[in-house]
Amino acid sequence: MASASRTLPQVMKLTDAAAARVRDIIAKADKPVVGLRIGVKNGGCAGMEYTMEWAEDQKPFDEVVEDKGVKVLIDAKAMMFLLGTEMDFQSTTLKSGFVFNNPNQVSACGCGESVQLKPAEG
């Protein structure tokens, strides 16, 4: 009996603004990159921080998300913390940057530099 295949949910989605900003930065990169690698690490006053770096290659356990013409590589250790996240790019008078709208976020520090995350359920 053949097993039924399951469709896995997309780990992350990008807003139009985030995808446009990533495309713009990649176009101006001084060396070839395959995409943007996103992860999380322990740090900050709330416990965890998002990490972002240009990926020159794809690692064996990276989860590849292609959304709106942009390739995002999710670090395998971060997948359960980022499941369902929407990445946005916001620009205000005082600052501009990427913002993560993450349903797994429990709390954040006052400065907004670190967050407390729980693994996604299921």
C-alpha atoms as a PDB file:
ATOM      1  CA  MET A   1       0.000   0.000   0.000  1.00  0.00           C
ATOM      2  CA  ALA A   2       1.469   3.350  -1.049  1.00  0.00           C
ATOM      3  CA  SER A   3       1.694   6.026   1.571  1.00  0.00           C
ATOM      4  CA  ALA A   4      -0.204   9.230   0.961  1.00  0.00           C
ATOM      5  CA  SER A   5       2.050  12.209   0.429  1.00  0.00           C
ATOM      6  CA  ARG A   6       1.574  15.203   2.675  1.00  0.00           C
ATOM      7  CA  THR A   7       1.979  18.766   1.543  1.00  0.00           C
ATOM      8  CA  LEU A   8       4.231  20.566   3.983  1.00  0.00           C
ATOM      9  CA  PRO A   9       3.327  24.132   4.921  1.00  0.00           C
ATOM     10  CA  GLN A  10       5.564  26.923   3.659  1.00  0.00           C
ATOM     11  CA  VAL A  11       7.809  27.930   6.553  1.00  0.00           C
ATOM     12  CA  MET A  12       7.794  31.663   5.772  1.00  0.00           C
ATOM     13  CA  LYS A  13       6.174  34.189   3.478  1.00  0.00           C
ATOM     14  CA  LEU A  14       7.451  37.581   2.360  1.00  0.00           C
ATOM     15  CA  THR A  15       5.446  40.730   1.842  1.00  0.00           C
ATOM     16  CA  ASP A  16       5.871  42.575  -1.455  1.00  0.00           C
ATOM     17  CA  ALA A  17       8.008  45.189   0.347  1.00  0.00           C
ATOM     18  CA  ALA A  18      10.351  42.551   1.842  1.00  0.00           C
ATOM     19  CA  ALA A  19      10.764  40.745  -1.479  1.00  0.00           C
ATOM     20  CA  ALA A  20      11.498  44.008  -3.298  1.00  0.00           C
ATOM     21  CA  ARG A  21      14.113  45.010  -0.707  1.00  0.00           C
ATOM     22  CA  VAL A  22      15.850  41.608  -0.835  1.00  0.00           C
ATOM     23  CA  ARG A  23      15.904  41.708  -4.660  1.00  0.00           C
ATOM     24  CA  ASP A  24      17.360  45.222  -4.568  1.00  0.00           C
ATOM     25  CA  ILE A  25      20.116  44.261  -2.129  1.00  0.00           C
ATOM     26  CA  ILE A  26      20.993  41.079  -4.066  1.00  0.00           C
ATOM     27  CA  ALA A  27      21.293  43.115  -7.265  1.00  0.00           C
ATOM     28  CA  LYS A  28      23.858  45.360  -5.559  1.00  0.00           C
ATOM     29  CA  ALA A  29      25.854  42.549  -3.883  1.00  0.00           C
ATOM     30  CA  ASP A  30      29.572  42.590  -4.576  1.00  0.00           C
ATOM     31  CA  LYS A  31      29.741  38.777  -4.829  1.00  0.00           C
ATOM     32  CA  PRO A  32      27.332  36.126  -6.116  1.00  0.00           C
ATOM     33  CA  VAL A  33      24.701  34.946  -3.634  1.00  0.00           C
ATOM     34  CA  VAL A  34      21.990  32.303  -3.970  1.00  0.00           C
ATOM     35  CA  GLY A  35      19.646  33.958  -1.510  1.00  0.00           C
ATOM     36  CA  LEU A  36      19.122  35.165   2.022  1.00  0.00           C
ATOM     37  CA  ARG A  37      19.670  32.757   4.953  1.00  0.00           C
ATOM     38  CA  ILE A  38      17.457  33.353   7.986  1.00  0.00           C
ATOM     39  CA  GLY A  39      17.827  31.766  11.386  1.00  0.00           C
ATOM     40  CA  VAL A  40      17.582  32.396  15.098  1.00  0.00           C
ATOM     41  CA  LYS A  41      20.216  32.370  17.840  1.00  0.00           C
ATOM     42  CA  ASN A  42      20.263  32.658  21.598  1.00  0.00           C
ATOM     43  CA  GLY A  43      20.867  36.223  22.683  1.00  0.00           C
ATOM     44  CA  GLY A  44      19.425  39.530  23.776  1.00  0.00           C
ATOM     45  CA  CYS A  45      17.424  40.282  26.866  1.00  0.00           C
ATOM     46  CA  ALA A  46      14.331  38.359  25.692  1.00  0.00           C
ATOM     47  CA  GLY A  47      16.242  35.179  24.817  1.00  0.00           C
ATOM     48  CA  MET A  48      16.514  34.911  21.010  1.00  0.00           C
ATOM     49  CA  GLU A  49      17.474  37.058  18.041  1.00  0.00           C
ATOM     50  CA  TYR A  50      16.761  36.672  14.341  1.00  0.00           C
ATOM     51  CA  THR A  51      19.812  36.234  12.126  1.00  0.00           C
ATOM     52  CA  MET A  52      20.149  37.134   8.462  1.00  0.00           C
ATOM     53  CA  GLU A  53      23.103  36.621   6.146  1.00  0.00           C
ATOM     54  CA  TRP A  54      23.724  36.320   2.447  1.00  0.00           C
ATOM     55  CA  ALA A  55      24.005  32.705   1.379  1.00  0.00           C
ATOM     56  CA  GLU A  56      26.756  31.981  -1.114  1.00  0.00           C
ATOM     57  CA  ASP A  57      25.614  28.364  -1.279  1.00  0.00           C
ATOM     58  CA  GLN A  58      22.814  26.145  -0.071  1.00  0.00           C
ATOM     59  CA  LYS A  59      23.587  23.955   2.932  1.00  0.00           C
ATOM     60  CA  PRO A  60      22.334  20.342   2.948  1.00  0.00           C
ATOM     61  CA  PHE A  61      19.623  20.870   5.586  1.00  0.00           C
ATOM     62  CA  ASP A  62      18.446  24.362   4.589  1.00  0.00           C
ATOM     63  CA  GLU A  63      14.718  24.687   3.946  1.00  0.00           C
ATOM     64  CA  VAL A  64      14.300  26.589   0.683  1.00  0.00           C
ATOM     65  CA  VAL A  65      11.448  29.079   0.437  1.00  0.00           C
ATOM     66  CA  GLU A  66      10.865  30.804  -2.887  1.00  0.00           C
ATOM     67  CA  ASP A  67       8.344  33.609  -2.608  1.00  0.00           C
ATOM     68  CA  LYS A  68       7.720  36.536  -4.949  1.00  0.00           C
ATOM     69  CA  GLY A  69      10.878  35.802  -6.937  1.00  0.00           C
ATOM     70  CA  VAL A  70      13.153  35.712  -3.875  1.00  0.00           C
ATOM     71  CA  LYS A  71      14.969  32.667  -2.495  1.00  0.00           C
ATOM     72  CA  VAL A  72      15.163  32.453   1.295  1.00  0.00           C
ATOM     73  CA  LEU A  73      17.095  29.661   2.979  1.00  0.00           C
ATOM     74  CA  ILE A  74      15.875  28.752   6.458  1.00  0.00           C
ATOM     75  CA  ASP A  75      18.480  27.345   8.818  1.00  0.00           C
ATOM     76  CA  ALA A  76      17.319  23.861   9.858  1.00  0.00           C
ATOM     77  CA  LYS A  77      17.667  24.706  13.581  1.00  0.00           C
ATOM     78  CA  ALA A  78      15.253  27.643  13.160  1.00  0.00           C
ATOM     79  CA  MET A  79      12.435  25.952  11.244  1.00  0.00           C
ATOM     80  CA  MET A  80      10.160  25.193  14.206  1.00  0.00           C
ATOM     81  CA  PHE A  81      10.572  28.763  15.506  1.00  0.00           C
ATOM     82  CA  LEU A  82       9.823  30.407  12.142  1.00  0.00           C
ATOM     83  CA  LEU A  83       6.893  28.285  10.928  1.00  0.00           C
ATOM     84  CA  GLY A  84       4.091  30.625   9.844  1.00  0.00           C
ATOM     85  CA  THR A  85       6.221  33.791   9.939  1.00  0.00           C
ATOM     86  CA  GLU A  86       5.708  36.695   7.541  1.00  0.00           C
ATOM     87  CA  MET A  87       8.768  38.811   6.793  1.00  0.00           C
ATOM     88  CA  ASP A  88       8.109  42.466   6.010  1.00  0.00           C
ATOM     89  CA  PHE A  89      10.260  45.500   5.274  1.00  0.00           C
ATOM     90  CA  GLN A  90       9.197  48.743   6.923  1.00  0.00           C
ATOM     91  CA  SER A  91      10.635  52.204   6.566  1.00  0.00           C
ATOM     92  CA  THR A  92       9.810  55.071   8.915  1.00  0.00           C
ATOM     93  CA  THR A  93      11.300  58.491   9.549  1.00  0.00           C
ATOM     94  CA  LEU A  94      13.670  57.124  12.218  1.00  0.00           C
ATOM     95  CA  LYS A  95      14.546  53.635  10.970  1.00  0.00           C
ATOM     96  CA  SER A  96      14.047  51.054   8.294  1.00  0.00           C
ATOM     97  CA  GLY A  97      14.508  47.320   8.380  1.00  0.00           C
ATOM     98  CA  PHE A  98      13.061  43.868   8.157  1.00  0.00           C
ATOM     99  CA  VAL A  99      10.256  42.975  10.570  1.00  0.00           C
ATOM    100  CA  PHE A 100       9.188  39.430  11.431  1.00  0.00           C
ATOM    101  CA  ASN A 101       5.484  38.884  12.125  1.00  0.00           C
ATOM    102  CA  ASN A 102       5.865  35.563  13.913  1.00  0.00           C
ATOM    103  CA  PRO A 103       2.925  33.646  15.441  1.00  0.00           C
ATOM    104  CA  ASN A 104       5.445  31.758  17.619  1.00  0.00           C
ATOM    105  CA  GLN A 105       6.619  34.918  19.370  1.00  0.00           C
ATOM    106  CA  VAL A 106       5.692  34.940  23.047  1.00  0.00           C
ATOM    107  CA  SER A 107       7.204  38.318  23.960  1.00  0.00           C
ATOM    108  CA  ALA A 108       9.842  40.863  22.947  1.00  0.00           C
ATOM    109  CA  CYS A 109      12.244  43.131  24.771  1.00  0.00           C
ATOM    110  CA  GLY A 110      11.507  46.843  25.006  1.00  0.00           C
ATOM    111  CA  CYS A 111      14.055  47.814  22.354  1.00  0.00           C
ATOM    112  CA  GLY A 112      12.717  45.236  19.890  1.00  0.00           C
ATOM    113  CA  GLU A 113      16.109  43.641  19.247  1.00  0.00           C
ATOM    114  CA  SER A 114      15.303  40.242  20.780  1.00  0.00           C
ATOM    115  CA  VAL A 115      12.262  38.032  21.193  1.00  0.00           C
ATOM    116  CA  GLN A 116      11.075  35.033  23.132  1.00  0.00           C
ATOM    117  CA  LEU A 117       9.959  32.276  20.751  1.00  0.00           C
ATOM    118  CA  LYS A 118       8.269  28.929  21.289  1.00  0.00           C
ATOM    119  CA  PRO A 119       8.461  26.072  18.790  1.00  0.00           C
ATOM    120  CA  ALA A 120       5.446  25.781  16.498  1.00  0.00           C
ATOM    121  CA  GLU A 121       2.962  23.100  17.499  1.00  0.00           C
ATOM    122  CA  GLY A 122       2.180  20.118  15.350  1.00  0.00           C
END
